C-alpha atoms as a PDB file:
ATOM      1  CA  UNK A   1      -0.033   0.048  -0.169  1.00  0.00           C
ATOM      2  CA  UNK A   2       1.374   3.604  -1.001  1.00  0.00           C
ATOM      3  CA  UNK A   3       0.278   6.892  -0.004  1.00  0.00           C
ATOM      4  CA  UNK A   4       2.184   9.424  -2.701  1.00  0.00           C
ATOM      5  CA  UNK A   5       1.274  12.554  -1.056  1.00  0.00           C
ATOM      6  CA  UNK A   6       3.546  11.403   2.238  1.00  0.00           C
ATOM      7  CA  UNK A   7       5.758   9.490   0.311  1.00  0.00           C
ATOM      8  CA  UNK A   8       4.943   6.343   2.769  1.00  0.00           C
ATOM      9  CA  UNK A   9       4.693   2.670   1.702  1.00  0.00           C
ATOM     10  CA  UNK A  10       3.497  -0.216   3.970  1.00  0.00           C
ATOM     11  CA  UNK A  11       3.957  -3.802   3.660  1.00  0.00           C
ATOM     12  CA  UNK A  12       1.692  -5.564   5.636  1.00  0.00           C
ATOM     13  CA  UNK A  13      -0.296  -9.264   6.354  1.00  0.00           C
ATOM     14  CA  UNK A  14       1.507 -12.564   5.724  1.00  0.00           C
ATOM     15  CA  UNK A  15       2.057 -14.285   2.714  1.00  0.00           C
ATOM     16  CA  UNK A  16      -0.579 -17.172   2.542  1.00  0.00           C
ATOM     17  CA  UNK A  17      -2.748 -15.891   5.386  1.00  0.00           C
ATOM     18  CA  UNK A  18      -6.810 -15.685   5.093  1.00  0.00           C
ATOM     19  CA  UNK A  19      -8.520 -12.496   5.962  1.00  0.00           C
ATOM     20  CA  UNK A  20     -11.815 -11.042   6.098  1.00  0.00           C
ATOM     21  CA  UNK A  21     -11.062  -9.915   2.485  1.00  0.00           C
ATOM     22  CA  UNK A  22     -10.660 -13.601   1.477  1.00  0.00           C
ATOM     23  CA  UNK A  23     -13.754 -14.994   2.517  1.00  0.00           C
ATOM     24  CA  UNK A  24     -13.103 -15.291   6.714  1.00  0.00           C
ATOM     25  CA  UNK A  25     -16.187 -14.727   9.239  1.00  0.00           C
ATOM     26  CA  UNK A  26     -17.398 -11.673  11.120  1.00  0.00           C
ATOM     27  CA  UNK A  27     -16.833 -14.189  14.122  1.00  0.00           C
ATOM     28  CA  UNK A  28     -13.017 -14.918  12.655  1.00  0.00           C
ATOM     29  CA  UNK A  29     -12.955 -10.810  12.423  1.00  0.00           C
ATOM     30  CA  UNK A  30     -14.051 -10.434  16.116  1.00  0.00           C
ATOM     31  CA  UNK A  31     -11.652 -13.187  17.479  1.00  0.00           C
ATOM     32  CA  UNK A  32      -8.718 -11.324  15.287  1.00  0.00           C
ATOM     33  CA  UNK A  33      -9.368  -7.998  16.692  1.00  0.00           C
ATOM     34  CA  UNK A  34      -9.891  -9.516  19.899  1.00  0.00           C
ATOM     35  CA  UNK A  35      -6.779 -11.293  19.659  1.00  0.00           C
ATOM     36  CA  UNK A  36      -4.592  -8.285  18.534  1.00  0.00           C
ATOM     37  CA  UNK A  37      -6.078  -5.339  20.117  1.00  0.00           C
ATOM     38  CA  UNK A  38      -2.861  -5.155  22.794  1.00  0.00           C
ATOM     39  CA  UNK A  39      -0.385  -5.649  19.919  1.00  0.00           C
ATOM     40  CA  UNK A  40       2.487  -2.934  19.430  1.00  0.00           C
ATOM     41  CA  UNK A  41       0.965  -0.796  16.995  1.00  0.00           C
ATOM     42  CA  UNK A  42      -2.427  -1.612  16.711  1.00  0.00           C
ATOM     43  CA  UNK A  43      -3.521   2.396  16.568  1.00  0.00           C
ATOM     44  CA  UNK A  44      -0.200   3.425  14.940  1.00  0.00           C
ATOM     45  CA  UNK A  45      -0.727   4.677  11.243  1.00  0.00           C
ATOM     46  CA  UNK A  46       2.995   3.774  10.679  1.00  0.00           C
ATOM     47  CA  UNK A  47       2.719  -0.210  11.724  1.00  0.00           C
ATOM     48  CA  UNK A  48       1.670  -3.143   9.647  1.00  0.00           C
ATOM     49  CA  UNK A  49      -0.721  -4.239  12.493  1.00  0.00           C
ATOM     50  CA  UNK A  50      -2.388  -0.860  11.834  1.00  0.00           C
ATOM     51  CA  UNK A  51      -3.000  -1.401   7.987  1.00  0.00           C
ATOM     52  CA  UNK A  52      -3.978  -5.052   8.297  1.00  0.00           C
ATOM     53  CA  UNK A  53      -6.776  -4.218  10.971  1.00  0.00           C
ATOM     54  CA  UNK A  54      -8.140  -1.443   8.781  1.00  0.00           C
ATOM     55  CA  UNK A  55      -7.828  -3.228   5.386  1.00  0.00           C
ATOM     56  CA  UNK A  56      -7.663  -6.858   5.786  1.00  0.00           C
ATOM     57  CA  UNK A  57      -9.722  -6.941   8.510  1.00  0.00           C
ATOM     58  CA  UNK A  58     -11.245  -3.696   7.774  1.00  0.00           C
ATOM     59  CA  UNK A  59     -14.963  -2.484   7.667  1.00  0.00           C
ATOM     60  CA  UNK A  60     -15.676  -4.194   4.170  1.00  0.00           C
ATOM     61  CA  UNK A  61     -14.756  -7.774   3.013  1.00  0.00           C
ATOM     62  CA  UNK A  62     -13.557  -5.427  -0.196  1.00  0.00           C
ATOM     63  CA  UNK A  63     -10.008  -4.108   0.204  1.00  0.00           C
ATOM     64  CA  UNK A  64     -10.793  -0.966  -2.108  1.00  0.00           C
ATOM     65  CA  UNK A  65     -13.938  -0.327  -0.104  1.00  0.00           C
ATOM     66  CA  UNK A  66     -11.863  -0.360   3.234  1.00  0.00           C
ATOM     67  CA  UNK A  67      -9.281   1.538   1.109  1.00  0.00           C
ATOM     68  CA  UNK A  68     -11.782   4.253   0.683  1.00  0.00           C
ATOM     69  CA  UNK A  69     -12.984   4.389   4.057  1.00  0.00           C
ATOM     70  CA  UNK A  70      -9.446   4.505   5.272  1.00  0.00           C
ATOM     71  CA  UNK A  71      -8.492   7.527   2.938  1.00  0.00           C
ATOM     72  CA  UNK A  72     -11.325   9.489   4.582  1.00  0.00           C
ATOM     73  CA  UNK A  73     -10.202   8.525   7.664  1.00  0.00           C
ATOM     74  CA  UNK A  74      -6.752   9.548   7.620  1.00  0.00           C
ATOM     75  CA  UNK A  75      -6.965  12.364   4.684  1.00  0.00           C
ATOM     76  CA  UNK A  76      -5.091  10.776   2.094  1.00  0.00           C
ATOM     77  CA  UNK A  77      -5.247   9.034  -0.769  1.00  0.00           C
ATOM     78  CA  UNK A  78      -4.236   5.566  -1.111  1.00  0.00           C
ATOM     79  CA  UNK A  79      -2.632   3.141  -3.764  1.00  0.00           C
ATOM     80  CA  UNK A  80      -3.421  -0.382  -3.069  1.00  0.00           C
ATOM     81  CA  UNK A  81      -1.247  -2.910  -4.786  1.00  0.00           C
ATOM     82  CA  UNK A  82      -2.119  -6.746  -4.854  1.00  0.00           C
END
């Protein structure tokens, strides 16, 4: 994922991992959030776990829709590269 205006790039997620955008359920999403809520960087926009939470386990099972929601939240343009 890239934020061109800020010159930021963030890499996150595990190769081969299954997430909400891969068809995991709302119940599995809630379990993931509960398991990671105390992780370092959970609310830090400069950490991978933040983007995993907001995009891979975000509000929508579609990464593009979750990216649009995050763009609004952060006030930046996001380019998702899969």
